[in-house]
Amino acid sequence: MKPILTPTLLAAIRKQPNLPRNTWYFITATTLSALNRPEELPEVFKNATGEGSDTTGNGVPSRDDQLRISRRLREALLKASAVGGMPKSINALMSLKSTTPEDLLDEPGTGISIRHKDIYDTAPAKVLERGQPFFEAIYGKISRRIMGQLDWSGAPDLGLLARLTYGYVLSNTDVLTPAETSFVLIASLIPQDVNPQLKGHLRGALNGGASVDEVRAVRDVVIKICEASGMKRLEEDAIGGWGWRSEVANV
């Protein structure tokens, strides 16, 4: 298949007005993963960590900057699993690993995992207590209603799954801020054409500290990538197709 991420598209992404600094690469990677194009992640990594990446303004980023970029990419793909599914995150992370130098990888047993303490050294109740305010911060005044809908969905474990996901996966902000976490979720939801969930996370990005212009810029970048993959607005009488059944939600 022809690549989605052409030089022209890459340039447009990086020049997108109002896009928050140092976010283009993980937003792009998350979108490509959601589109099931993990083979394109090495190109994202190369452009984010190579010469001309504009991370330091002095050519090739320093090793510390490259490590930070690598970890932010991996964290975005991990968090994307919450709404995009484990299979796509696994494939994306494996593709990313194939192009990442060994000294920029985090290996098990090194004490670097940001969730090791949550799993092995922290009582589950404590982790869930951290996830609850994170959930409430995203959904604001409607958070109780949203969780109630999950609890009373006919499958009570749906609410449990949400609590576990927010506690163990999404609420850790050691690598990505709350707003950046919302950008990841937006980038994963738009390709799936799930406006009900997207609306909540667009607002969640605002609640996390992003401006309206920044959230719109993230949305626009994701749509550009989706359209480059062939997605389009579907006709009302279309039986199926690759695209959106209605206008992509906005703020």
C-alpha atoms as a PDB file:
ATOM      1  CA  MET A   1       0.000   0.000   0.000  1.00  0.00           C
ATOM      2  CA  LYS A   2       1.090   3.546  -0.649  1.00  0.00           C
ATOM      3  CA  PRO A   3       2.119   5.409   2.507  1.00  0.00           C
ATOM      4  CA  ILE A   4      -0.307   7.786   4.142  1.00  0.00           C
ATOM      5  CA  LEU A   5       2.449   9.919   5.619  1.00  0.00           C
ATOM      6  CA  THR A   6       3.893  11.652   2.570  1.00  0.00           C
ATOM      7  CA  PRO A   7       6.450  14.474   2.890  1.00  0.00           C
ATOM      8  CA  THR A   8       3.713  16.950   1.979  1.00  0.00           C
ATOM      9  CA  LEU A   9       1.355  15.672   4.676  1.00  0.00           C
ATOM     10  CA  LEU A  10       4.148  15.540   7.223  1.00  0.00           C
ATOM     11  CA  ALA A  11       5.032  19.163   6.523  1.00  0.00           C
ATOM     12  CA  ALA A  12       1.380  20.187   6.860  1.00  0.00           C
ATOM     13  CA  ILE A  13       1.084  18.406  10.204  1.00  0.00           C
ATOM     14  CA  ARG A  14       4.180  20.046  11.614  1.00  0.00           C
ATOM     15  CA  LYS A  15       3.106  23.497  10.432  1.00  0.00           C
ATOM     16  CA  GLN A  16      -0.460  23.173  11.742  1.00  0.00           C
ATOM     17  CA  PRO A  17      -1.339  26.478  13.447  1.00  0.00           C
ATOM     18  CA  ASN A  18      -2.034  26.259  17.187  1.00  0.00           C
ATOM     19  CA  LEU A  19      -0.923  22.637  17.496  1.00  0.00           C
ATOM     20  CA  PRO A  20       0.662  22.340  20.966  1.00  0.00           C
ATOM     21  CA  ARG A  21       4.434  22.110  20.949  1.00  0.00           C
ATOM     22  CA  ASN A  22       6.009  18.640  20.922  1.00  0.00           C
ATOM     23  CA  THR A  23       2.752  16.806  20.274  1.00  0.00           C
ATOM     24  CA  TRP A  24       2.659  16.299  16.499  1.00  0.00           C
ATOM     25  CA  TYR A  25       4.597  13.045  16.565  1.00  0.00           C
ATOM     26  CA  PHE A  26       2.523  11.164  19.128  1.00  0.00           C
ATOM     27  CA  ILE A  27      -0.748  12.487  17.698  1.00  0.00           C
ATOM     28  CA  THR A  28       0.347  11.284  14.253  1.00  0.00           C
ATOM     29  CA  ALA A  29       1.522   7.913  15.572  1.00  0.00           C
ATOM     30  CA  THR A  30      -1.714   7.350  17.473  1.00  0.00           C
ATOM     31  CA  THR A  31      -3.823   8.202  14.430  1.00  0.00           C
ATOM     32  CA  LEU A  32      -1.824   5.876  12.184  1.00  0.00           C
ATOM     33  CA  SER A  33      -2.184   3.100  14.741  1.00  0.00           C
ATOM     34  CA  ALA A  34      -5.958   3.601  14.878  1.00  0.00           C
ATOM     35  CA  LEU A  35      -6.008   3.444  11.066  1.00  0.00           C
ATOM     36  CA  ASN A  36      -4.195   0.087  11.305  1.00  0.00           C
ATOM     37  CA  ARG A  37      -1.064   1.392   9.628  1.00  0.00           C
ATOM     38  CA  PRO A  38       1.630   0.464  12.171  1.00  0.00           C
ATOM     39  CA  GLU A  39       4.199   0.058   9.399  1.00  0.00           C
ATOM     40  CA  GLU A  40       4.299   3.857   9.068  1.00  0.00           C
ATOM     41  CA  LEU A  41       5.426   4.511  12.624  1.00  0.00           C
ATOM     42  CA  PRO A  42       9.158   4.185  11.847  1.00  0.00           C
ATOM     43  CA  GLU A  43       8.801   7.211   9.573  1.00  0.00           C
ATOM     44  CA  VAL A  44       7.207   9.181  12.407  1.00  0.00           C
ATOM     45  CA  PHE A  45      10.029   8.180  14.743  1.00  0.00           C
ATOM     46  CA  LYS A  46      12.692   9.099  12.208  1.00  0.00           C
ATOM     47  CA  ASN A  47      11.220  12.537  11.644  1.00  0.00           C
ATOM     48  CA  ALA A  48      10.687  13.178  15.348  1.00  0.00           C
ATOM     49  CA  THR A  49      14.189  12.200  16.458  1.00  0.00           C
ATOM     50  CA  GLY A  50      16.301  12.965  13.402  1.00  0.00           C
ATOM     51  CA  GLU A  51      17.892  16.073  11.984  1.00  0.00           C
ATOM     52  CA  GLY A  52      15.456  18.895  11.387  1.00  0.00           C
ATOM     53  CA  SER A  53      13.026  17.698  14.040  1.00  0.00           C
ATOM     54  CA  ASP A  54      13.107  21.169  15.640  1.00  0.00           C
ATOM     55  CA  THR A  55      13.202  19.664  19.119  1.00  0.00           C
ATOM     56  CA  THR A  56      16.301  21.607  20.136  1.00  0.00           C
ATOM     57  CA  GLY A  57      16.648  23.953  17.174  1.00  0.00           C
ATOM     58  CA  ASN A  58      20.203  22.744  16.666  1.00  0.00           C
ATOM     59  CA  GLY A  59      19.992  19.874  14.219  1.00  0.00           C
ATOM     60  CA  VAL A  60      19.714  16.377  15.662  1.00  0.00           C
ATOM     61  CA  PRO A  61      18.079  16.313  19.119  1.00  0.00           C
ATOM     62  CA  SER A  62      20.231  15.376  22.084  1.00  0.00           C
ATOM     63  CA  ARG A  63      20.136  11.827  23.384  1.00  0.00           C
ATOM     64  CA  ASP A  64      17.990  12.965  26.328  1.00  0.00           C
ATOM     65  CA  ASP A  65      15.506  14.602  23.956  1.00  0.00           C
ATOM     66  CA  GLN A  66      15.424  11.492  21.775  1.00  0.00           C
ATOM     67  CA  LEU A  67      14.706   9.357  24.843  1.00  0.00           C
ATOM     68  CA  ARG A  68      11.928  11.719  25.902  1.00  0.00           C
ATOM     69  CA  ILE A  69      10.362  11.579  22.438  1.00  0.00           C
ATOM     70  CA  SER A  70      10.633   7.783  22.381  1.00  0.00           C
ATOM     71  CA  ARG A  71       8.931   7.452  25.743  1.00  0.00           C
ATOM     72  CA  ARG A  72       6.172   9.874  24.817  1.00  0.00           C
ATOM     73  CA  LEU A  73       5.484   7.906  21.651  1.00  0.00           C
ATOM     74  CA  ARG A  74       5.307   4.634  23.565  1.00  0.00           C
ATOM     75  CA  GLU A  75       3.134   6.109  26.308  1.00  0.00           C
ATOM     76  CA  ALA A  76       0.698   7.512  23.739  1.00  0.00           C
ATOM     77  CA  LEU A  77       0.327   4.119  22.076  1.00  0.00           C
ATOM     78  CA  LEU A  78      -0.159   2.437  25.448  1.00  0.00           C
ATOM     79  CA  LYS A  79      -2.856   4.912  26.460  1.00  0.00           C
ATOM     80  CA  ALA A  80      -4.518   4.603  23.050  1.00  0.00           C
ATOM     81  CA  SER A  81      -5.236   0.957  23.861  1.00  0.00           C
ATOM     82  CA  ALA A  82      -7.920   2.214  26.256  1.00  0.00           C
ATOM     83  CA  VAL A  83     -10.140   3.262  23.342  1.00  0.00           C
ATOM     84  CA  GLY A  84      -8.514   1.646  20.301  1.00  0.00           C
ATOM     85  CA  GLY A  85      -7.820  -1.843  21.586  1.00  0.00           C
ATOM     86  CA  MET A  86      -4.750  -3.827  22.552  1.00  0.00           C
ATOM     87  CA  PRO A  87      -4.124  -5.447  19.133  1.00  0.00           C
ATOM     88  CA  LYS A  88      -3.473  -2.140  17.385  1.00  0.00           C
ATOM     89  CA  SER A  89      -1.321  -0.866  20.239  1.00  0.00           C
ATOM     90  CA  ILE A  90       0.704  -4.087  20.236  1.00  0.00           C
ATOM     91  CA  ASN A  91       1.314  -3.900  16.494  1.00  0.00           C
ATOM     92  CA  ALA A  92       2.196  -0.215  16.679  1.00  0.00           C
ATOM     93  CA  LEU A  93       4.615  -0.669  19.571  1.00  0.00           C
ATOM     94  CA  MET A  94       6.312  -3.615  17.873  1.00  0.00           C
ATOM     95  CA  SER A  95       6.715  -1.584  14.693  1.00  0.00           C
ATOM     96  CA  LEU A  96       8.108   1.314  16.700  1.00  0.00           C
ATOM     97  CA  LYS A  97      10.542  -0.994  18.484  1.00  0.00           C
ATOM     98  CA  SER A  98      11.879  -2.249  15.155  1.00  0.00           C
ATOM     99  CA  THR A  99      13.267   1.188  14.368  1.00  0.00           C
ATOM    100  CA  THR A 100      14.201   2.426  17.857  1.00  0.00           C
ATOM    101  CA  PRO A 101      17.895   2.199  18.847  1.00  0.00           C
ATOM    102  CA  GLU A 102      18.452  -0.085  21.825  1.00  0.00           C
ATOM    103  CA  ASP A 103      19.640   2.734  24.063  1.00  0.00           C
ATOM    104  CA  LEU A 104      16.262   4.447  23.614  1.00  0.00           C
ATOM    105  CA  LEU A 105      14.231   1.390  24.641  1.00  0.00           C
ATOM    106  CA  ASP A 106      13.010   0.683  28.178  1.00  0.00           C
ATOM    107  CA  GLU A 107      13.454  -2.951  29.166  1.00  0.00           C
ATOM    108  CA  PRO A 108      11.689  -4.883  31.957  1.00  0.00           C
ATOM    109  CA  GLY A 109      13.476  -5.146  35.263  1.00  0.00           C
ATOM    110  CA  THR A 110      15.192  -1.773  34.931  1.00  0.00           C
ATOM    111  CA  GLY A 111      12.848   0.042  37.307  1.00  0.00           C
ATOM    112  CA  ILE A 112      11.771   2.440  34.561  1.00  0.00           C
ATOM    113  CA  SER A 113       8.175   1.242  34.127  1.00  0.00           C
ATOM    114  CA  ILE A 114       5.928   4.024  35.378  1.00  0.00           C
ATOM    115  CA  ARG A 115       3.207   1.527  36.339  1.00  0.00           C
ATOM    116  CA  HIS A 116       5.334  -1.083  38.113  1.00  0.00           C
ATOM    117  CA  LYS A 117       4.587   0.448  41.518  1.00  0.00           C
ATOM    118  CA  ASP A 118       0.882   0.650  40.705  1.00  0.00           C
ATOM    119  CA  ILE A 119       0.788  -3.076  39.985  1.00  0.00           C
ATOM    120  CA  TYR A 120       3.137  -4.475  42.608  1.00  0.00           C
ATOM    121  CA  ASP A 121       3.560  -1.943  45.418  1.00  0.00           C
ATOM    122  CA  THR A 122       0.276  -0.035  45.642  1.00  0.00           C
ATOM    123  CA  ALA A 123      -3.074  -1.180  46.962  1.00  0.00           C
ATOM    124  CA  PRO A 124      -5.646  -1.349  44.135  1.00  0.00           C
ATOM    125  CA  ALA A 125      -7.925   1.016  46.050  1.00  0.00           C
ATOM    126  CA  LYS A 126      -5.231   3.703  45.951  1.00  0.00           C
ATOM    127  CA  VAL A 127      -4.835   3.407  42.183  1.00  0.00           C
ATOM    128  CA  LEU A 128      -8.597   3.531  41.687  1.00  0.00           C
ATOM    129  CA  GLU A 129      -8.751   6.600  43.930  1.00  0.00           C
ATOM    130  CA  ARG A 130      -6.309   8.314  41.567  1.00  0.00           C
ATOM    131  CA  GLY A 131      -8.359   7.322  38.539  1.00  0.00           C
ATOM    132  CA  GLN A 132     -11.657   8.669  39.873  1.00  0.00           C
ATOM    133  CA  PRO A 133     -10.672  12.368  39.997  1.00  0.00           C
ATOM    134  CA  PHE A 134      -8.974  11.980  36.619  1.00  0.00           C
ATOM    135  CA  PHE A 135     -12.256  10.671  35.182  1.00  0.00           C
ATOM    136  CA  GLU A 136     -14.175  13.471  36.897  1.00  0.00           C
ATOM    137  CA  ALA A 137     -11.750  16.084  35.560  1.00  0.00           C
ATOM    138  CA  ILE A 138     -12.289  14.877  31.995  1.00  0.00           C
ATOM    139  CA  TYR A 139     -16.081  14.702  32.120  1.00  0.00           C
ATOM    140  CA  GLY A 140     -16.669  17.569  34.532  1.00  0.00           C
ATOM    141  CA  LYS A 141     -20.210  18.052  35.787  1.00  0.00           C
ATOM    142  CA  ILE A 142     -21.554  15.103  33.777  1.00  0.00           C
ATOM    143  CA  SER A 143     -19.016  12.597  35.152  1.00  0.00           C
ATOM    144  CA  ARG A 144     -21.443  11.048  37.634  1.00  0.00           C
ATOM    145  CA  ARG A 145     -24.063  10.585  34.933  1.00  0.00           C
ATOM    146  CA  ILE A 146     -21.545   8.998  32.554  1.00  0.00           C
ATOM    147  CA  MET A 147     -20.310   6.514  35.156  1.00  0.00           C
ATOM    148  CA  GLY A 148     -23.901   5.774  36.120  1.00  0.00           C
ATOM    149  CA  GLN A 149     -24.714   4.923  32.507  1.00  0.00           C
ATOM    150  CA  LEU A 150     -21.794   2.488  32.453  1.00  0.00           C
ATOM    151  CA  ASP A 151     -22.791   0.908  35.765  1.00  0.00           C
ATOM    152  CA  TRP A 152     -26.404   0.540  34.616  1.00  0.00           C
ATOM    153  CA  SER A 153     -25.650  -0.571  31.061  1.00  0.00           C
ATOM    154  CA  GLY A 154     -26.945  -4.076  31.712  1.00  0.00           C
ATOM    155  CA  ALA A 155     -23.342  -5.177  32.087  1.00  0.00           C
ATOM    156  CA  PRO A 156     -22.234  -3.770  35.472  1.00  0.00           C
ATOM    157  CA  ASP A 157     -18.640  -4.751  34.791  1.00  0.00           C
ATOM    158  CA  LEU A 158     -18.516  -2.043  32.110  1.00  0.00           C
ATOM    159  CA  GLY A 159     -18.241   0.518  34.887  1.00  0.00           C
ATOM    160  CA  LEU A 160     -15.602  -1.616  36.588  1.00  0.00           C
ATOM    161  CA  LEU A 161     -13.621  -1.773  33.355  1.00  0.00           C
ATOM    162  CA  ALA A 162     -13.762   2.021  33.042  1.00  0.00           C
ATOM    163  CA  ARG A 163     -12.526   2.446  36.622  1.00  0.00           C
ATOM    164  CA  LEU A 164      -9.633   0.052  36.042  1.00  0.00           C
ATOM    165  CA  THR A 165      -8.709   1.756  32.774  1.00  0.00           C
ATOM    166  CA  TYR A 166      -8.736   5.250  34.217  1.00  0.00           C
ATOM    167  CA  GLY A 167      -6.904   4.140  37.343  1.00  0.00           C
ATOM    168  CA  TYR A 168      -4.156   1.987  35.908  1.00  0.00           C
ATOM    169  CA  VAL A 169      -3.762   3.279  32.348  1.00  0.00           C
ATOM    170  CA  LEU A 170      -4.971   6.828  31.800  1.00  0.00           C
ATOM    171  CA  SER A 171      -4.505   8.671  35.096  1.00  0.00           C
ATOM    172  CA  ASN A 172      -0.730   8.238  35.227  1.00  0.00           C
ATOM    173  CA  THR A 173       0.637  11.580  34.030  1.00  0.00           C
ATOM    174  CA  ASP A 174       4.359  10.996  34.525  1.00  0.00           C
ATOM    175  CA  VAL A 175       4.970  11.121  30.750  1.00  0.00           C
ATOM    176  CA  LEU A 176       1.913  12.763  29.179  1.00  0.00           C
ATOM    177  CA  THR A 177      -0.077  15.565  30.794  1.00  0.00           C
ATOM    178  CA  PRO A 178      -3.861  15.330  31.224  1.00  0.00           C
ATOM    179  CA  ALA A 179      -4.384  17.460  28.094  1.00  0.00           C
ATOM    180  CA  GLU A 180      -1.902  15.374  26.103  1.00  0.00           C
ATOM    181  CA  THR A 181      -3.668  12.220  27.258  1.00  0.00           C
ATOM    182  CA  SER A 182      -6.898  13.651  25.872  1.00  0.00           C
ATOM    183  CA  PHE A 183      -5.126  14.406  22.570  1.00  0.00           C
ATOM    184  CA  VAL A 184      -4.176  10.722  22.371  1.00  0.00           C
ATOM    185  CA  LEU A 185      -7.776   9.658  22.925  1.00  0.00           C
ATOM    186  CA  ILE A 186      -9.030  12.156  20.333  1.00  0.00           C
ATOM    187  CA  ALA A 187      -6.503  10.854  17.805  1.00  0.00           C
ATOM    188  CA  SER A 188      -7.683   7.306  18.388  1.00  0.00           C
ATOM    189  CA  LEU A 189     -11.422   8.046  18.385  1.00  0.00           C
ATOM    190  CA  ILE A 190     -11.766  10.166  15.235  1.00  0.00           C
ATOM    191  CA  PRO A 191     -10.695   7.332  12.883  1.00  0.00           C
ATOM    192  CA  GLN A 192     -13.284   5.070  14.540  1.00  0.00           C
ATOM    193  CA  ASP A 193     -16.242   7.383  13.809  1.00  0.00           C
ATOM    194  CA  VAL A 194     -17.516   7.320  17.388  1.00  0.00           C
ATOM    195  CA  ASN A 195     -18.810  10.835  17.982  1.00  0.00           C
ATOM    196  CA  PRO A 196     -20.523  10.125  21.343  1.00  0.00           C
ATOM    197  CA  GLN A 197     -17.186   9.227  22.921  1.00  0.00           C
ATOM    198  CA  LEU A 198     -15.220  11.829  20.954  1.00  0.00           C
ATOM    199  CA  LYS A 199     -17.382  14.671  22.260  1.00  0.00           C
ATOM    200  CA  GLY A 200     -16.503  13.788  25.836  1.00  0.00           C
ATOM    201  CA  HIS A 201     -12.775  13.758  25.183  1.00  0.00           C
ATOM    202  CA  LEU A 202     -12.788  16.980  23.174  1.00  0.00           C
ATOM    203  CA  ARG A 203     -14.291  18.618  26.251  1.00  0.00           C
ATOM    204  CA  GLY A 204     -11.896  16.631  28.400  1.00  0.00           C
ATOM    205  CA  ALA A 205      -8.939  18.230  26.637  1.00  0.00           C
ATOM    206  CA  LEU A 206     -10.345  21.652  27.499  1.00  0.00           C
ATOM    207  CA  ASN A 207     -10.889  20.554  31.085  1.00  0.00           C
ATOM    208  CA  GLY A 208      -7.279  19.356  31.119  1.00  0.00           C
ATOM    209  CA  GLY A 209      -5.966  22.808  30.285  1.00  0.00           C
ATOM    210  CA  ALA A 210      -5.861  22.942  26.479  1.00  0.00           C
ATOM    211  CA  SER A 211      -7.312  25.939  24.656  1.00  0.00           C
ATOM    212  CA  VAL A 212     -10.143  25.723  22.143  1.00  0.00           C
ATOM    213  CA  ASP A 213      -7.708  26.557  19.330  1.00  0.00           C
ATOM    214  CA  GLU A 214      -5.335  23.805  20.435  1.00  0.00           C
ATOM    215  CA  VAL A 215      -8.083  21.184  20.570  1.00  0.00           C
ATOM    216  CA  ARG A 216      -9.326  22.212  17.137  1.00  0.00           C
ATOM    217  CA  ALA A 217      -5.775  21.993  15.789  1.00  0.00           C
ATOM    218  CA  VAL A 218      -5.415  18.438  17.113  1.00  0.00           C
ATOM    219  CA  ARG A 219      -8.764  17.518  15.566  1.00  0.00           C
ATOM    220  CA  ASP A 220      -7.764  19.049  12.223  1.00  0.00           C
ATOM    221  CA  VAL A 221      -4.447  17.169  12.122  1.00  0.00           C
ATOM    222  CA  VAL A 222      -6.151  13.854  12.825  1.00  0.00           C
ATOM    223  CA  ILE A 223      -8.756  14.491  10.128  1.00  0.00           C
ATOM    224  CA  LYS A 224      -6.020  15.364   7.616  1.00  0.00           C
ATOM    225  CA  ILE A 225      -4.327  12.033   8.267  1.00  0.00           C
ATOM    226  CA  CYS A 226      -7.635  10.167   8.067  1.00  0.00           C
ATOM    227  CA  GLU A 227      -8.543  11.840   4.783  1.00  0.00           C
ATOM    228  CA  ALA A 228      -5.110  10.982   3.390  1.00  0.00           C
ATOM    229  CA  SER A 229      -5.897   7.345   4.210  1.00  0.00           C
ATOM    230  CA  GLY A 230      -9.090   7.536   2.137  1.00  0.00           C
ATOM    231  CA  MET A 231     -11.673   8.345   4.805  1.00  0.00           C
ATOM    232  CA  LYS A 232     -14.417  10.771   3.805  1.00  0.00           C
ATOM    233  CA  ARG A 233     -17.868  11.940   4.842  1.00  0.00           C
ATOM    234  CA  LEU A 234     -20.306   9.215   3.788  1.00  0.00           C
ATOM    235  CA  GLU A 235     -23.598   9.890   2.043  1.00  0.00           C
ATOM    236  CA  GLU A 236     -26.693   9.476   4.197  1.00  0.00           C
ATOM    237  CA  ASP A 237     -27.956   6.578   2.072  1.00  0.00           C
ATOM    238  CA  ALA A 238     -24.603   4.777   1.963  1.00  0.00           C
ATOM    239  CA  ILE A 239     -24.796   1.149   3.089  1.00  0.00           C
ATOM    240  CA  GLY A 240     -21.163   1.168   4.131  1.00  0.00           C
ATOM    241  CA  GLY A 241     -17.814   2.649   3.277  1.00  0.00           C
ATOM    242  CA  TRP A 242     -14.627   4.055   4.742  1.00  0.00           C
ATOM    243  CA  GLY A 243     -15.426   7.286   6.498  1.00  0.00           C
ATOM    244  CA  TRP A 244     -17.686   9.222   8.842  1.00  0.00           C
ATOM    245  CA  ARG A 245     -21.461   8.906   8.961  1.00  0.00           C
ATOM    246  CA  SER A 246     -21.811  12.458  10.266  1.00  0.00           C
ATOM    247  CA  GLU A 247     -19.692  15.550  10.776  1.00  0.00           C
ATOM    248  CA  VAL A 248     -16.772  14.887  13.108  1.00  0.00           C
ATOM    249  CA  ALA A 249     -17.559  16.423  16.500  1.00  0.00           C
ATOM    250  CA  ASN A 250     -15.850  19.698  17.325  1.00  0.00           C
ATOM    251  CA  VAL A 251     -15.558  22.241  20.134  1.00  0.00           C
END
